[in-house]
Amino acid sequence: MNLNILLVLLLLTQEATALPRNPFQPPESPCAAVTDRLQRWRLYGVISAETGSVAIMRDAQQNWRRVRKGMPMVPGASVAEIARQYVSVVLPSECAQPVYVWKIKGKNYGLDALIRAADGMAADQPRG
């Protein structure tokens, strides 16, 4: 008896979750679904190394991620290139726009090079 009740409840919950799409709304394209998921990611920085660059990103669930070239971001999209100021992802072939790009925002990029240059100048000057 308990097994029958459990089976009926299981069937009812599956039917409730498998609702058909709304016929009055246009069907969502696979490209729109992928780009919608990618828009929720944020690029915070790029670390360059001899073995390859690593992008520091935050996903839609606010988890920090280390992203490398060739890594899948979301189903259907993988990292194509990681450069000093941007990360690009290749989208599925049926998309009109073949690449999605994040760019680093702000003016802070590369300021540590100026600090090192200033330290070098101070060391070269004679003390008086």
Protein backbone atom coordinates (compact mmCIF):
# COMPACT_ATOMS: atom_id res chain seq x y z
CA MET A 1 0.00 0.00 0.00
CA ASN A 2 2.77 2.46 0.95
CA LEU A 3 4.62 1.56 -2.25
CA ASN A 4 1.55 2.42 -4.36
CA ILE A 5 1.17 5.80 -2.68
CA LEU A 6 4.86 6.49 -3.24
CA LEU A 7 4.59 5.63 -6.94
CA VAL A 8 1.51 7.86 -7.40
CA LEU A 9 3.28 10.77 -5.69
CA LEU A 10 6.36 10.22 -7.83
CA LEU A 11 4.30 10.30 -11.05
CA LEU A 12 2.45 13.43 -9.97
CA THR A 13 5.66 15.33 -9.19
CA GLN A 14 7.21 14.35 -12.53
CA GLU A 15 4.18 15.62 -14.43
CA ALA A 16 4.19 18.88 -12.48
CA THR A 17 7.86 19.57 -13.27
CA ALA A 18 7.60 18.58 -16.95
CA LEU A 19 5.25 21.35 -18.02
CA PRO A 20 5.08 22.15 -21.75
CA ARG A 21 6.47 25.46 -22.96
CA ASN A 22 4.20 28.48 -23.22
CA PRO A 23 2.84 28.53 -26.81
CA PHE A 24 2.40 32.31 -26.68
CA GLN A 25 6.11 32.93 -26.10
CA PRO A 26 8.66 32.47 -28.91
CA PRO A 27 10.96 29.50 -28.34
CA GLU A 28 14.28 30.43 -26.79
CA SER A 29 17.23 29.85 -29.10
CA PRO A 30 20.21 27.84 -27.84
CA CYS A 31 22.44 30.89 -28.43
CA ALA A 32 20.28 33.10 -26.25
CA ALA A 33 20.41 30.55 -23.45
CA VAL A 34 24.22 30.32 -23.63
CA THR A 35 24.80 34.09 -23.80
CA ASP A 36 22.31 34.64 -20.97
CA ARG A 37 24.34 32.31 -18.76
CA LEU A 38 27.63 33.92 -19.81
CA GLN A 39 26.36 37.44 -19.04
CA ARG A 40 26.15 36.49 -15.37
CA TRP A 41 29.91 35.80 -15.21
CA ARG A 42 32.32 38.64 -14.25
CA LEU A 43 36.01 39.04 -15.10
CA TYR A 44 38.15 40.39 -12.25
CA GLY A 45 41.70 39.89 -13.49
CA VAL A 46 44.22 37.97 -15.56
CA ILE A 47 47.39 36.38 -14.22
CA SER A 48 50.09 35.75 -16.82
CA ALA A 49 52.60 32.93 -16.35
CA GLU A 50 55.05 30.97 -18.49
CA THR A 51 52.69 27.98 -18.52
CA GLY A 52 49.76 30.11 -19.71
CA SER A 53 47.41 32.81 -18.53
CA VAL A 54 44.71 32.29 -15.91
CA ALA A 55 41.60 34.48 -15.68
CA ILE A 56 40.02 35.15 -12.28
CA MET A 57 36.25 35.18 -12.76
CA ARG A 58 33.06 34.96 -10.71
CA ASP A 59 30.22 32.75 -11.97
CA ALA A 60 26.45 33.22 -11.66
CA GLN A 61 26.40 31.53 -8.24
CA GLN A 62 29.05 34.03 -6.99
CA ASN A 63 31.77 31.34 -6.85
CA TRP A 64 35.34 32.35 -7.72
CA ARG A 65 36.79 30.43 -10.68
CA ARG A 66 40.27 30.12 -12.19
CA VAL A 67 39.66 29.86 -15.92
CA ARG A 68 42.21 28.54 -18.43
CA LYS A 69 42.27 28.35 -22.23
CA GLY A 70 40.18 25.46 -23.60
CA MET A 71 38.14 25.12 -20.41
CA PRO A 72 34.34 24.79 -20.86
CA MET A 73 32.52 27.74 -19.27
CA VAL A 74 28.94 26.60 -19.79
CA PRO A 75 27.64 23.75 -21.97
CA GLY A 76 28.32 24.73 -25.56
CA ALA A 77 30.95 27.43 -24.87
CA SER A 78 34.66 27.08 -24.14
CA VAL A 79 37.47 29.58 -23.54
CA ALA A 80 39.23 30.53 -26.77
CA GLU A 81 41.74 33.12 -25.59
CA ILE A 82 42.95 34.78 -22.41
CA ALA A 83 44.81 38.04 -23.02
CA ARG A 84 46.07 40.81 -20.73
CA GLN A 85 42.80 42.75 -20.72
CA TYR A 86 40.12 40.34 -21.98
CA VAL A 87 38.83 36.77 -22.11
CA SER A 88 37.01 35.39 -25.16
CA VAL A 89 34.74 32.35 -25.39
CA VAL A 90 33.74 30.48 -28.56
CA LEU A 91 29.96 30.04 -28.90
CA PRO A 92 28.15 27.21 -30.73
CA SER A 93 28.30 27.32 -34.54
CA GLU A 94 24.58 28.14 -34.95
CA CYS A 95 25.05 31.50 -33.17
CA ALA A 96 25.19 34.69 -35.23
CA GLN A 97 27.93 36.10 -32.97
CA PRO A 98 30.70 33.45 -32.83
CA VAL A 99 32.59 34.90 -29.82
CA TYR A 100 31.62 36.32 -26.41
CA VAL A 101 34.18 38.67 -24.77
CA TRP A 102 34.69 40.03 -21.25
CA LYS A 103 36.99 43.06 -20.83
CA ILE A 104 38.75 44.26 -17.69
CA LYS A 105 37.25 47.54 -16.53
CA GLY A 106 39.05 50.30 -14.68
CA LYS A 107 42.31 52.24 -14.79
CA ASN A 108 44.36 50.23 -12.28
CA TYR A 109 45.88 47.81 -14.77
CA GLY A 110 49.68 47.96 -14.93
CA LEU A 111 50.28 50.52 -12.18
CA ASP A 112 52.75 48.23 -10.42
CA ALA A 113 55.16 48.76 -13.36
CA LEU A 114 55.20 52.49 -12.59
CA ILE A 115 55.98 51.79 -8.93
CA ARG A 116 58.94 49.57 -9.87
CA ALA A 117 60.22 52.27 -12.23
CA ALA A 118 59.99 54.91 -9.50
CA ASP A 119 61.87 52.67 -7.03
CA GLY A 120 64.64 52.19 -9.58
CA MET A 121 65.02 55.94 -10.10
CA ALA A 122 65.25 56.61 -6.37
CA ALA A 123 68.00 54.04 -5.92
CA ASP A 124 70.10 55.56 -8.74
CA GLN A 125 70.16 59.05 -7.25
CA PRO A 126 73.08 59.88 -4.96
CA ARG A 127 72.31 60.82 -1.39
CA GLY A 128 73.17 64.31 -0.47
